[in-house]
Protein backbone atom coordinates (compact mmCIF):
# COMPACT_ATOMS: atom_id res chain seq x y z
CA MET A 1 17.38 -23.44 22.90
CA SER A 2 16.54 -26.48 21.83
CA ARG A 3 16.98 -30.25 23.21
CA PRO A 4 20.02 -32.16 22.16
CA GLU A 5 19.63 -34.75 18.72
CA LYS A 6 18.76 -38.38 20.04
CA PRO A 7 22.05 -40.01 18.72
CA ILE A 8 20.58 -42.89 15.71
CA ASP A 9 22.51 -45.67 15.19
CA TRP A 10 22.57 -45.64 10.98
CA ASP A 11 23.83 -49.55 11.13
CA ILE A 12 21.62 -50.62 12.82
CA VAL A 13 18.86 -48.89 10.72
CA ASP A 14 19.95 -50.28 8.37
CA GLU A 15 19.64 -54.14 10.04
CA LEU A 16 16.33 -53.28 11.16
CA ILE A 17 15.51 -52.15 7.34
CA ILE A 18 16.85 -55.22 5.93
CA GLN A 19 14.63 -57.48 8.35
CA GLN A 20 11.39 -55.32 6.88
CA ASN A 21 11.21 -53.39 9.88
CA SER A 22 8.83 -49.94 8.99
CA GLY A 23 9.66 -46.48 10.13
CA ALA A 24 7.42 -46.48 12.52
CA GLN A 25 9.34 -49.33 14.22
CA ILE A 26 12.93 -47.70 13.55
CA ALA A 27 11.85 -44.78 14.94
CA SER A 28 10.14 -46.42 18.38
CA ARG A 29 13.54 -48.45 18.48
CA PHE A 30 15.55 -44.85 19.10
CA ASN A 31 12.89 -43.08 21.13
CA LEU A 32 12.06 -40.82 18.28
CA TYR A 33 8.46 -39.71 16.46
CA PRO A 34 7.93 -41.31 13.28
CA ASP A 35 7.88 -37.56 11.41
CA THR A 36 11.31 -36.89 13.59
CA PHE A 37 12.77 -39.79 12.11
CA TYR A 38 11.94 -39.36 8.46
CA ASP A 39 13.45 -35.65 9.03
CA ARG A 40 16.58 -37.07 10.38
CA VAL A 41 17.14 -39.76 7.31
CA LYS A 42 16.10 -36.95 4.68
CA SER A 43 18.64 -34.55 7.03
CA LYS A 44 21.45 -37.62 6.99
CA TRP A 45 20.78 -38.88 3.23
CA GLY A 46 19.63 -36.62 1.68
CA ILE A 47 16.66 -38.77 0.52
CA THR A 48 12.87 -39.65 1.89
CA PHE A 49 12.75 -43.06 4.25
CA THR A 50 11.08 -44.09 1.31
CA ASN A 51 13.55 -44.54 -1.08
CA TYR A 52 16.37 -44.88 1.44
CA ALA A 53 14.28 -47.86 2.71
CA GLY A 54 13.53 -49.70 -0.73
CA VAL A 55 16.71 -50.63 -1.36
CA LYS A 56 17.80 -51.93 2.26
CA TYR A 57 13.82 -53.63 2.09
CA SER A 58 14.41 -55.61 -1.29
CA GLU A 59 18.20 -56.19 0.02
CA GLY A 60 16.26 -58.24 2.77
CA ILE A 61 14.19 -60.14 0.91
CA SER A 62 17.57 -61.06 -1.32
CA LEU A 63 18.73 -62.73 1.71
CA LEU A 64 15.83 -64.10 2.70
CA LYS A 65 15.70 -65.89 -0.65
CA SER A 66 19.27 -67.26 -0.45
CA LYS A 67 19.00 -68.55 3.13
CA GLN A 68 16.07 -70.68 1.82
CA TRP A 69 17.86 -71.18 -1.66
CA GLU A 70 20.92 -72.54 0.46
CA LYS A 71 18.56 -74.99 3.08
CA ALA A 72 16.46 -76.35 -0.04
CA MET A 73 19.80 -76.95 -1.29
CA GLU A 74 21.08 -78.73 1.76
CA GLY A 75 18.35 -80.90 1.36
CA ASN A 76 15.55 -79.52 3.41
CA ILE A 77 12.46 -81.05 2.14
CA GLN A 78 9.92 -78.54 3.42
CA MET A 79 11.76 -75.70 1.92
CA LEU A 80 13.03 -77.66 -1.01
CA LEU A 81 8.88 -77.83 -2.34
CA LYS A 82 8.07 -74.43 -1.23
CA LEU A 83 10.02 -73.30 -3.63
CA GLY A 84 9.19 -75.80 -6.03
CA GLU A 85 5.68 -74.11 -5.76
CA LEU A 86 7.42 -70.42 -5.93
CA TYR A 87 9.61 -70.94 -8.94
CA ALA A 88 9.11 -73.86 -10.39
CA ASP A 89 5.31 -73.97 -10.72
CA GLN A 90 4.99 -77.02 -8.53
CA ALA A 91 1.71 -76.46 -6.69
CA GLN A 92 0.33 -79.24 -5.96
CA ASP A 93 -3.19 -79.94 -6.25
CA ILE A 94 -5.06 -80.44 -2.77
CA ASP A 95 -8.08 -80.24 -3.79
CA SER A 96 -7.75 -84.25 -5.64
CA ASP A 97 -6.57 -85.74 -2.13
CA ILE A 98 -9.98 -84.05 -0.35
CA LYS A 99 -12.51 -86.52 0.09
CA ILE A 100 -15.75 -85.70 1.96
CA THR A 101 -18.48 -87.86 3.36
CA ILE A 102 -21.24 -85.77 3.94
CA ILE A 103 -23.17 -87.35 7.36
CA ASP A 104 -27.10 -86.57 7.26
CA ALA A 105 -28.04 -85.55 11.00
CA ARG A 106 -31.19 -85.97 10.43
CA SER A 107 -31.03 -89.70 9.51
CA ASP A 108 -31.21 -92.88 11.37
CA CYS A 109 -27.63 -93.60 12.29
CA SER A 110 -28.64 -97.05 14.16
CA THR A 111 -29.57 -98.71 10.84
């Protein structure tokens, strides 16, 4: 006689995947071994966790990008700059703003 299966709230699983959690991290939330969790995913959905999660991971990244865009359009300067760097090839040339002064520690500083 085997133990009853631990319940899995599949809505929570979907949320955790969207939030970019790994299968092992999700399994731990339900007090399951990762392999047991992966078997349960396969049994429930008929596909591997990797295939199932791939779509949800993409959904999470899409939501994140949309929120970043929204914040940028609301006037968040940091987000505007970041998105400009990522999508509009507006990376700042950091090297041109750096000036280095080399001090020779062996020289006499009193003169």
